[in-house]
Amino acid sequence: AFADKIILVGGGRMIALGRPSEVLSAENLQS
């Protein structure tokens, strides 16, 4: 709702970076 960009990290690495609609995918969140 509020982010201009989201940084998704997992295991100390950046998994995804971008707008919420780009980062918050079922595949990314499952991983």
Full PDB file with SEQRES, HELIX, SHEET, SSBOND, CRYST1, ORIGX, SCALE, CONECT and MASTER records, all heavy atoms in Angstrom:
SEQRES   1 A   31  ALA PHE ALA ASP LYS ILE ILE LEU VAL GLY GLY GLY ARG          
SEQRES   2 A   31  MET ILE ALA LEU GLY ARG PRO SER GLU VAL LEU SER ALA          
SEQRES   3 A   31  GLU ASN LEU GLN SER                                          
HELIX    1 AA1 PRO A   20  VAL A   23  1                                   4    
HELIX    2 AA2 ALA A   26  GLN A   30  1                                   5    
SHEET    1 AA1 2 ILE A   6  GLY A  10  0                                        
SHEET    2 AA1 2 ARG A  13  GLY A  18 -1                                        
CRYST1    1.000    1.000    1.000  90.00  90.00  90.00 P 1           1          
ORIGX1      1.000000  0.000000  0.000000        0.00000                         
ORIGX2      0.000000  1.000000  0.000000        0.00000                         
ORIGX3      0.000000  0.000000  1.000000        0.00000                         
SCALE1      1.000000  0.000000  0.000000        0.00000                         
SCALE2      0.000000  1.000000  0.000000        0.00000                         
SCALE3      0.000000  0.000000  1.000000        0.00000                         
ATOM      1  N   ALA A   1       0.804  -1.221   0.000  1.00  0.00           N  
ATOM      2  CA  ALA A   1       0.000   0.000   0.000  1.00  0.00           C  
ATOM      3  C   ALA A   1       0.836   1.269   0.000  1.00  0.00           C  
ATOM      4  O   ALA A   1       0.432   2.279  -0.585  1.00  0.00           O  
ATOM      5  CB  ALA A   1      -0.940  -0.005   1.206  1.00  0.00           C  
ATOM      6  N   PHE A   2       2.014   1.241   0.645  1.00  0.00           N  
ATOM      7  CA  PHE A   2       2.734   2.489   0.862  1.00  0.00           C  
ATOM      8  C   PHE A   2       4.104   2.582   0.190  1.00  0.00           C  
ATOM      9  O   PHE A   2       4.660   3.671   0.071  1.00  0.00           O  
ATOM     10  CB  PHE A   2       2.903   2.726   2.366  1.00  0.00           C  
ATOM     11  CG  PHE A   2       1.630   3.065   3.074  1.00  0.00           C  
ATOM     12  CD1 PHE A   2       0.914   2.087   3.751  1.00  0.00           C  
ATOM     13  CD2 PHE A   2       1.122   4.347   3.053  1.00  0.00           C  
ATOM     14  CE1 PHE A   2      -0.273   2.383   4.392  1.00  0.00           C  
ATOM     15  CE2 PHE A   2      -0.070   4.667   3.705  1.00  0.00           C  
ATOM     16  CZ  PHE A   2      -0.776   3.683   4.370  1.00  0.00           C  
ATOM     17  N   ALA A   3       4.662   1.474  -0.238  1.00  0.00           N  
ATOM     18  CA  ALA A   3       6.031   1.504  -0.780  1.00  0.00           C  
ATOM     19  C   ALA A   3       6.057   2.013  -2.214  1.00  0.00           C  
ATOM     20  O   ALA A   3       5.181   1.691  -3.028  1.00  0.00           O  
ATOM     21  CB  ALA A   3       6.649   0.115  -0.717  1.00  0.00           C  
ATOM     22  N   ASP A   4       7.081   2.789  -2.518  1.00  0.00           N  
ATOM     23  CA  ASP A   4       7.387   3.121  -3.908  1.00  0.00           C  
ATOM     24  C   ASP A   4       8.212   2.002  -4.524  1.00  0.00           C  
ATOM     25  O   ASP A   4       8.086   1.706  -5.707  1.00  0.00           O  
ATOM     26  CB  ASP A   4       8.159   4.438  -3.984  1.00  0.00           C  
ATOM     27  CG  ASP A   4       7.329   5.619  -3.499  1.00  0.00           C  
ATOM     28  OD1 ASP A   4       6.287   5.882  -4.098  1.00  0.00           O  
ATOM     29  OD2 ASP A   4       7.730   6.248  -2.501  1.00  0.00           O  
ATOM     30  N   LYS A   5       9.070   1.422  -3.709  1.00  0.00           N  
ATOM     31  CA  LYS A   5       9.842   0.260  -4.148  1.00  0.00           C  
ATOM     32  C   LYS A   5       9.977  -0.713  -2.996  1.00  0.00           C  
ATOM     33  O   LYS A   5       9.935  -0.303  -1.818  1.00  0.00           O  
ATOM     34  CB  LYS A   5      11.227   0.663  -4.672  1.00  0.00           C  
ATOM     35  CG  LYS A   5      12.197   1.123  -3.601  1.00  0.00           C  
ATOM     36  CD  LYS A   5      13.621   1.316  -4.120  1.00  0.00           C  
ATOM     37  CE  LYS A   5      13.709   2.311  -5.244  1.00  0.00           C  
ATOM     38  NZ  LYS A   5      15.098   2.793  -5.486  1.00  0.00           N  
ATOM     39  N   ILE A   6      10.114  -1.975  -3.325  1.00  0.00           N  
ATOM     40  CA  ILE A   6      10.300  -3.017  -2.328  1.00  0.00           C  
ATOM     41  C   ILE A   6      11.606  -3.739  -2.615  1.00  0.00           C  
ATOM     42  O   ILE A   6      11.927  -4.046  -3.771  1.00  0.00           O  
ATOM     43  CB  ILE A   6       9.131  -4.016  -2.331  1.00  0.00           C  
ATOM     44  CG1 ILE A   6       7.850  -3.336  -1.806  1.00  0.00           C  
ATOM     45  CG2 ILE A   6       9.446  -5.234  -1.475  1.00  0.00           C  
ATOM     46  CD1 ILE A   6       6.635  -4.236  -1.789  1.00  0.00           C  
ATOM     47  N   ILE A   7      12.365  -3.987  -1.546  1.00  0.00           N  
ATOM     48  CA  ILE A   7      13.598  -4.759  -1.615  1.00  0.00           C  
ATOM     49  C   ILE A   7      13.329  -6.068  -0.894  1.00  0.00           C  
ATOM     50  O   ILE A   7      13.099  -6.083   0.319  1.00  0.00           O  
ATOM     51  CB  ILE A   7      14.765  -4.012  -0.950  1.00  0.00           C  
ATOM     52  CG1 ILE A   7      14.946  -2.615  -1.562  1.00  0.00           C  
ATOM     53  CG2 ILE A   7      16.063  -4.806  -1.053  1.00  0.00           C  
ATOM     54  CD1 ILE A   7      15.284  -1.543  -0.566  1.00  0.00           C  
ATOM     55  N   LEU A   8      13.320  -7.160  -1.627  1.00  0.00           N  
ATOM     56  CA  LEU A   8      13.061  -8.480  -1.050  1.00  0.00           C  
ATOM     57  C   LEU A   8      14.385  -9.204  -0.882  1.00  0.00           C  
ATOM     58  O   LEU A   8      15.122  -9.412  -1.858  1.00  0.00           O  
ATOM     59  CB  LEU A   8      12.134  -9.282  -1.967  1.00  0.00           C  
ATOM     60  CG  LEU A   8      11.857 -10.748  -1.578  1.00  0.00           C  
ATOM     61  CD1 LEU A   8      11.157 -10.839  -0.232  1.00  0.00           C  
ATOM     62  CD2 LEU A   8      11.023 -11.437  -2.664  1.00  0.00           C  
ATOM     63  N   VAL A   9      14.710  -9.568   0.365  1.00  0.00           N  
ATOM     64  CA  VAL A   9      15.965 -10.263   0.632  1.00  0.00           C  
ATOM     65  C   VAL A   9      15.695 -11.655   1.179  1.00  0.00           C  
ATOM     66  O   VAL A   9      14.704 -11.897   1.873  1.00  0.00           O  
ATOM     67  CB  VAL A   9      16.863  -9.477   1.620  1.00  0.00           C  
ATOM     68  CG1 VAL A   9      17.304  -8.158   1.017  1.00  0.00           C  
ATOM     69  CG2 VAL A   9      16.150  -9.238   2.936  1.00  0.00           C  
ATOM     70  N   GLY A  10      16.592 -12.553   0.844  1.00  0.00           N  
ATOM     71  CA  GLY A  10      16.508 -13.914   1.333  1.00  0.00           C  
ATOM     72  C   GLY A  10      17.898 -14.518   1.391  1.00  0.00           C  
ATOM     73  O   GLY A  10      18.665 -14.404   0.437  1.00  0.00           O  
ATOM     74  N   GLY A  11      18.248 -15.099   2.528  1.00  0.00           N  
ATOM     75  CA  GLY A  11      19.574 -15.684   2.678  1.00  0.00           C  
ATOM     76  C   GLY A  11      20.699 -14.692   2.488  1.00  0.00           C  
ATOM     77  O   GLY A  11      21.791 -15.058   2.038  1.00  0.00           O  
ATOM     78  N   GLY A  12      20.448 -13.441   2.847  1.00  0.00           N  
ATOM     79  CA  GLY A  12      21.481 -12.413   2.740  1.00  0.00           C  
ATOM     80  C   GLY A  12      21.660 -11.830   1.351  1.00  0.00           C  
ATOM     81  O   GLY A  12      22.528 -10.989   1.141  1.00  0.00           O  
ATOM     82  N   ARG A  13      20.823 -12.244   0.403  1.00  0.00           N  
ATOM     83  CA  ARG A  13      20.933 -11.735  -0.969  1.00  0.00           C  
ATOM     84  C   ARG A  13      19.656 -11.005  -1.359  1.00  0.00           C  
ATOM     85  O   ARG A  13      18.588 -11.273  -0.811  1.00  0.00           O  
ATOM     86  CB  ARG A  13      21.179 -12.888  -1.949  1.00  0.00           C  
ATOM     87  CG  ARG A  13      22.427 -13.681  -1.645  1.00  0.00           C  
ATOM     88  CD  ARG A  13      22.694 -14.700  -2.716  1.00  0.00           C  
ATOM     89  NE  ARG A  13      23.853 -15.522  -2.396  1.00  0.00           N  
ATOM     90  CZ  ARG A  13      24.657 -16.039  -3.299  1.00  0.00           C  
ATOM     91  NH1 ARG A  13      24.449 -15.810  -4.585  1.00  0.00           N  
ATOM     92  NH2 ARG A  13      25.680 -16.781  -2.942  1.00  0.00           N  
ATOM     93  N   MET A  14      19.781 -10.101  -2.315  1.00  0.00           N  
ATOM     94  CA  MET A  14      18.614  -9.403  -2.816  1.00  0.00           C  
ATOM     95  C   MET A  14      17.942 -10.276  -3.871  1.00  0.00           C  
ATOM     96  O   MET A  14      18.507 -10.547  -4.925  1.00  0.00           O  
ATOM     97  CB  MET A  14      19.004  -8.046  -3.409  1.00  0.00           C  
ATOM     98  CG  MET A  14      17.808  -7.183  -3.750  1.00  0.00           C  
ATOM     99  SD  MET A  14      18.261  -5.438  -3.975  1.00  0.00           S  
ATOM    100  CE  MET A  14      19.260  -5.574  -5.477  1.00  0.00           C  
ATOM    101  N   ILE A  15      16.728 -10.704  -3.569  1.00  0.00           N  
ATOM    102  CA  ILE A  15      15.991 -11.589  -4.464  1.00  0.00           C  
ATOM    103  C   ILE A  15      15.265 -10.789  -5.547  1.00  0.00           C  
ATOM    104  O   ILE A  15      15.184 -11.204  -6.703  1.00  0.00           O  
ATOM    105  CB  ILE A  15      14.974 -12.435  -3.674  1.00  0.00           C  
ATOM    106  CG1 ILE A  15      15.684 -13.217  -2.558  1.00  0.00           C  
ATOM    107  CG2 ILE A  15      14.214 -13.369  -4.596  1.00  0.00           C  
ATOM    108  CD1 ILE A  15      16.760 -14.160  -3.033  1.00  0.00           C  
ATOM    109  N   ALA A  16      14.730  -9.630  -5.147  1.00  0.00           N  
ATOM    110  CA  ALA A  16      13.995  -8.806  -6.107  1.00  0.00           C  
ATOM    111  C   ALA A  16      14.011  -7.360  -5.640  1.00  0.00           C  
ATOM    112  O   ALA A  16      14.069  -7.068  -4.450  1.00  0.00           O  
ATOM    113  CB  ALA A  16      12.562  -9.301  -6.259  1.00  0.00           C  
ATOM    114  N   LEU A  17      13.931  -6.444  -6.602  1.00  0.00           N  
ATOM    115  CA  LEU A  17      13.890  -5.008  -6.337  1.00  0.00           C  
ATOM    116  C   LEU A  17      12.994  -4.368  -7.379  1.00  0.00           C  
ATOM    117  O   LEU A  17      13.166  -4.585  -8.581  1.00  0.00           O  
ATOM    118  CB  LEU A  17      15.304  -4.408  -6.418  1.00  0.00           C  
ATOM    119  CG  LEU A  17      15.414  -2.878  -6.425  1.00  0.00           C  
ATOM    120  CD1 LEU A  17      14.976  -2.304  -5.081  1.00  0.00           C  
ATOM    121  CD2 LEU A  17      16.849  -2.445  -6.743  1.00  0.00           C  
ATOM    122  N   GLY A  18      12.009  -3.586  -6.921  1.00  0.00           N  
ATOM    123  CA  GLY A  18      11.144  -2.912  -7.873  1.00  0.00           C  
ATOM    124  C   GLY A  18       9.850  -2.450  -7.226  1.00  0.00           C  
ATOM    125  O   GLY A  18       9.719  -2.422  -5.997  1.00  0.00           O  
ATOM    126  N   ARG A  19       8.884  -2.086  -8.057  1.00  0.00           N  
ATOM    127  CA  ARG A  19       7.576  -1.676  -7.556  1.00  0.00           C  
ATOM    128  C   ARG A  19       6.890  -2.870  -6.882  1.00  0.00           C  
ATOM    129  O   ARG A  19       7.187  -4.022  -7.201  1.00  0.00           O  
ATOM    130  CB  ARG A  19       6.717  -1.143  -8.697  1.00  0.00           C  
ATOM    131  CG  ARG A  19       7.271   0.129  -9.335  1.00  0.00           C  
ATOM    132  CD  ARG A  19       6.271   0.711 -10.330  1.00  0.00           C  
ATOM    133  NE  ARG A  19       5.963  -0.240 -11.406  1.00  0.00           N  
ATOM    134  CZ  ARG A  19       6.660  -0.354 -12.522  1.00  0.00           C  
ATOM    135  NH1 ARG A  19       7.729   0.404 -12.724  1.00  0.00           N  
ATOM    136  NH2 ARG A  19       6.299  -1.232 -13.457  1.00  0.00           N  
ATOM    137  N   PRO A  20       5.947  -2.587  -5.960  1.00  0.00           N  
ATOM    138  CA  PRO A  20       5.252  -3.699  -5.295  1.00  0.00           C  
ATOM    139  C   PRO A  20       4.669  -4.716  -6.265  1.00  0.00           C  
ATOM    140  O   PRO A  20       4.749  -5.924  -6.026  1.00  0.00           O  
ATOM    141  CB  PRO A  20       4.155  -2.977  -4.496  1.00  0.00           C  
ATOM    142  CG  PRO A  20       4.758  -1.655  -4.165  1.00  0.00           C  
ATOM    143  CD  PRO A  20       5.557  -1.275  -5.381  1.00  0.00           C  
ATOM    144  N   SER A  21       4.102  -4.244  -7.365  1.00  0.00           N  
ATOM    145  CA  SER A  21       3.495  -5.155  -8.330  1.00  0.00           C  
ATOM    146  C   SER A  21       4.527  -6.046  -9.014  1.00  0.00           C  
ATOM    147  O   SER A  21       4.205  -7.132  -9.505  1.00  0.00           O  
ATOM    148  CB  SER A  21       2.726  -4.360  -9.394  1.00  0.00           C  
ATOM    149  OG  SER A  21       3.596  -3.470 -10.080  1.00  0.00           O  
ATOM    150  N   GLU A  22       5.791  -5.609  -9.022  1.00  0.00           N  
ATOM    151  CA  GLU A  22       6.861  -6.389  -9.636  1.00  0.00           C  
ATOM    152  C   GLU A  22       7.470  -7.396  -8.658  1.00  0.00           C  
ATOM    153  O   GLU A  22       7.884  -8.493  -9.064  1.00  0.00           O  
ATOM    154  CB  GLU A  22       7.958  -5.454 -10.153  1.00  0.00           C  
ATOM    155  CG  GLU A  22       7.496  -4.506 -11.250  1.00  0.00           C  
ATOM    156  CD  GLU A  22       8.513  -3.419 -11.557  1.00  0.00           C  
ATOM    157  OE1 GLU A  22       9.281  -3.027 -10.642  1.00  0.00           O  
ATOM    158  OE2 GLU A  22       8.535  -2.951 -12.709  1.00  0.00           O  
ATOM    159  N   VAL A  23       7.546  -7.008  -7.389  1.00  0.00           N  
ATOM    160  CA  VAL A  23       8.247  -7.831  -6.395  1.00  0.00           C  
ATOM    161  C   VAL A  23       7.326  -8.841  -5.716  1.00  0.00           C  
ATOM    162  O   VAL A  23       7.716  -9.982  -5.457  1.00  0.00           O  
ATOM    163  CB  VAL A  23       8.920  -6.923  -5.342  1.00  0.00           C  
ATOM    164  CG1 VAL A  23       9.524  -7.753  -4.213  1.00  0.00           C  
ATOM    165  CG2 VAL A  23       9.979  -6.047  -5.996  1.00  0.00           C  
ATOM    166  N   LEU A  24       6.093  -8.423  -5.427  1.00  0.00           N  
ATOM    167  CA  LEU A  24       5.185  -9.276  -4.665  1.00  0.00           C  
ATOM    168  C   LEU A  24       4.470 -10.262  -5.582  1.00  0.00           C  
ATOM    169  O   LEU A  24       3.264 -10.185  -5.819  1.00  0.00           O  
ATOM    170  CB  LEU A  24       4.176  -8.407  -3.897  1.00  0.00           C  
ATOM    171  CG  LEU A  24       4.785  -7.486  -2.834  1.00  0.00           C  
ATOM    172  CD1 LEU A  24       3.711  -6.613  -2.209  1.00  0.00           C  
ATOM    173  CD2 LEU A  24       5.520  -8.289  -1.773  1.00  0.00           C  
ATOM    174  N   SER A  25       5.231 -11.204  -6.085  1.00  0.00           N  
ATOM    175  CA  SER A  25       4.673 -12.286  -6.900  1.00  0.00           C  
ATOM    176  C   SER A  25       4.623 -13.557  -6.066  1.00  0.00           C  
ATOM    177  O   SER A  25       5.366 -13.721  -5.094  1.00  0.00           O  
ATOM    178  CB  SER A  25       5.526 -12.516  -8.146  1.00  0.00           C  
ATOM    179  OG  SER A  25       6.791 -13.069  -7.796  1.00  0.00           O  
ATOM    180  N   ALA A  26       3.746 -14.462  -6.463  1.00  0.00           N  
ATOM    181  CA  ALA A  26       3.639 -15.730  -5.746  1.00  0.00           C  
ATOM    182  C   ALA A  26       4.961 -16.493  -5.776  1.00  0.00           C  
ATOM    183  O   ALA A  26       5.358 -17.118  -4.786  1.00  0.00           O  
ATOM    184  CB  ALA A  26       2.517 -16.578  -6.355  1.00  0.00           C  
ATOM    185  N   GLU A  27       5.659 -16.410  -6.909  1.00  0.00           N  
ATOM    186  CA  GLU A  27       6.938 -17.118  -7.052  1.00  0.00           C  
ATOM    187  C   GLU A  27       7.995 -16.553  -6.114  1.00  0.00           C  
ATOM    188  O   GLU A  27       8.709 -17.299  -5.433  1.00  0.00           O  
ATOM    189  CB  GLU A  27       7.422 -17.037  -8.501  1.00  0.00           C  
ATOM    190  CG  GLU A  27       6.551 -17.764  -9.510  1.00  0.00           C  
ATOM    191  CD  GLU A  27       5.279 -16.999  -9.872  1.00  0.00           C  
ATOM    192  OE1 GLU A  27       5.182 -15.793  -9.549  1.00  0.00           O  
ATOM    193  OE2 GLU A  27       4.374 -17.620 -10.466  1.00  0.00           O  
ATOM    194  N   ASN A  28       8.114 -15.221  -6.068  1.00  0.00           N  
ATOM    195  CA  ASN A  28       9.109 -14.595  -5.197  1.00  0.00           C  
ATOM    196  C   ASN A  28       8.841 -14.906  -3.727  1.00  0.00           C  
ATOM    197  O   ASN A  28       9.768 -15.214  -2.957  1.00  0.00           O  
ATOM    198  CB  ASN A  28       9.123 -13.079  -5.402  1.00  0.00           C  
ATOM    199  CG  ASN A  28       9.845 -12.654  -6.661  1.00  0.00           C  
ATOM    200  OD1 ASN A  28      10.646 -13.409  -7.224  1.00  0.00           O  
ATOM    201  ND2 ASN A  28       9.577 -11.443  -7.119  1.00  0.00           N  
ATOM    202  N   LEU A  29       7.591 -14.806  -3.327  1.00  0.00           N  
ATOM    203  CA  LEU A  29       7.265 -15.014  -1.919  1.00  0.00           C  
ATOM    204  C   LEU A  29       7.415 -16.482  -1.522  1.00  0.00           C  
ATOM    205  O   LEU A  29       7.811 -16.792  -0.405  1.00  0.00           O  
ATOM    206  CB  LEU A  29       5.856 -14.504  -1.628  1.00  0.00           C  
ATOM    207  CG  LEU A  29       5.668 -12.997  -1.868  1.00  0.00           C  
ATOM    208  CD1 LEU A  29       4.251 -12.567  -1.531  1.00  0.00           C  
ATOM    209  CD2 LEU A  29       6.671 -12.170  -1.070  1.00  0.00           C  
ATOM    210  N   GLN A  30       7.119 -17.377  -2.430  1.00  0.00           N  
ATOM    211  CA  GLN A  30       7.341 -18.801  -2.163  1.00  0.00           C  
ATOM    212  C   GLN A  30       8.821 -19.088  -1.974  1.00  0.00           C  
ATOM    213  O   GLN A  30       9.223 -19.826  -1.077  1.00  0.00           O  
ATOM    214  CB  GLN A  30       6.783 -19.636  -3.314  1.00  0.00           C  
ATOM    215  CG  GLN A  30       7.181 -21.106  -3.311  1.00  0.00           C  
ATOM    216  CD  GLN A  30       6.729 -21.855  -2.073  1.00  0.00           C  
ATOM    217  OE1 GLN A  30       7.548 -22.506  -1.412  1.00  0.00           O  
ATOM    218  NE2 GLN A  30       5.446 -21.778  -1.750  1.00  0.00           N  
ATOM    219  N   SER A  31       9.664 -18.438  -2.788  1.00  0.00           N  
ATOM    220  CA  SER A  31      11.102 -18.706  -2.719  1.00  0.00           C  
ATOM    221  C   SER A  31      11.714 -18.204  -1.423  1.00  0.00           C  
ATOM    222  O   SER A  31      12.687 -18.781  -0.927  1.00  0.00           O  
ATOM    223  CB  SER A  31      11.813 -18.061  -3.914  1.00  0.00           C  
ATOM    224  OG  SER A  31      11.852 -16.646  -3.793  1.00  0.00           O  
TER     225      SER A  31                                                      
MASTER        0    0    0    2    2    0    0    6  224    1    0    3          
END                                                                             
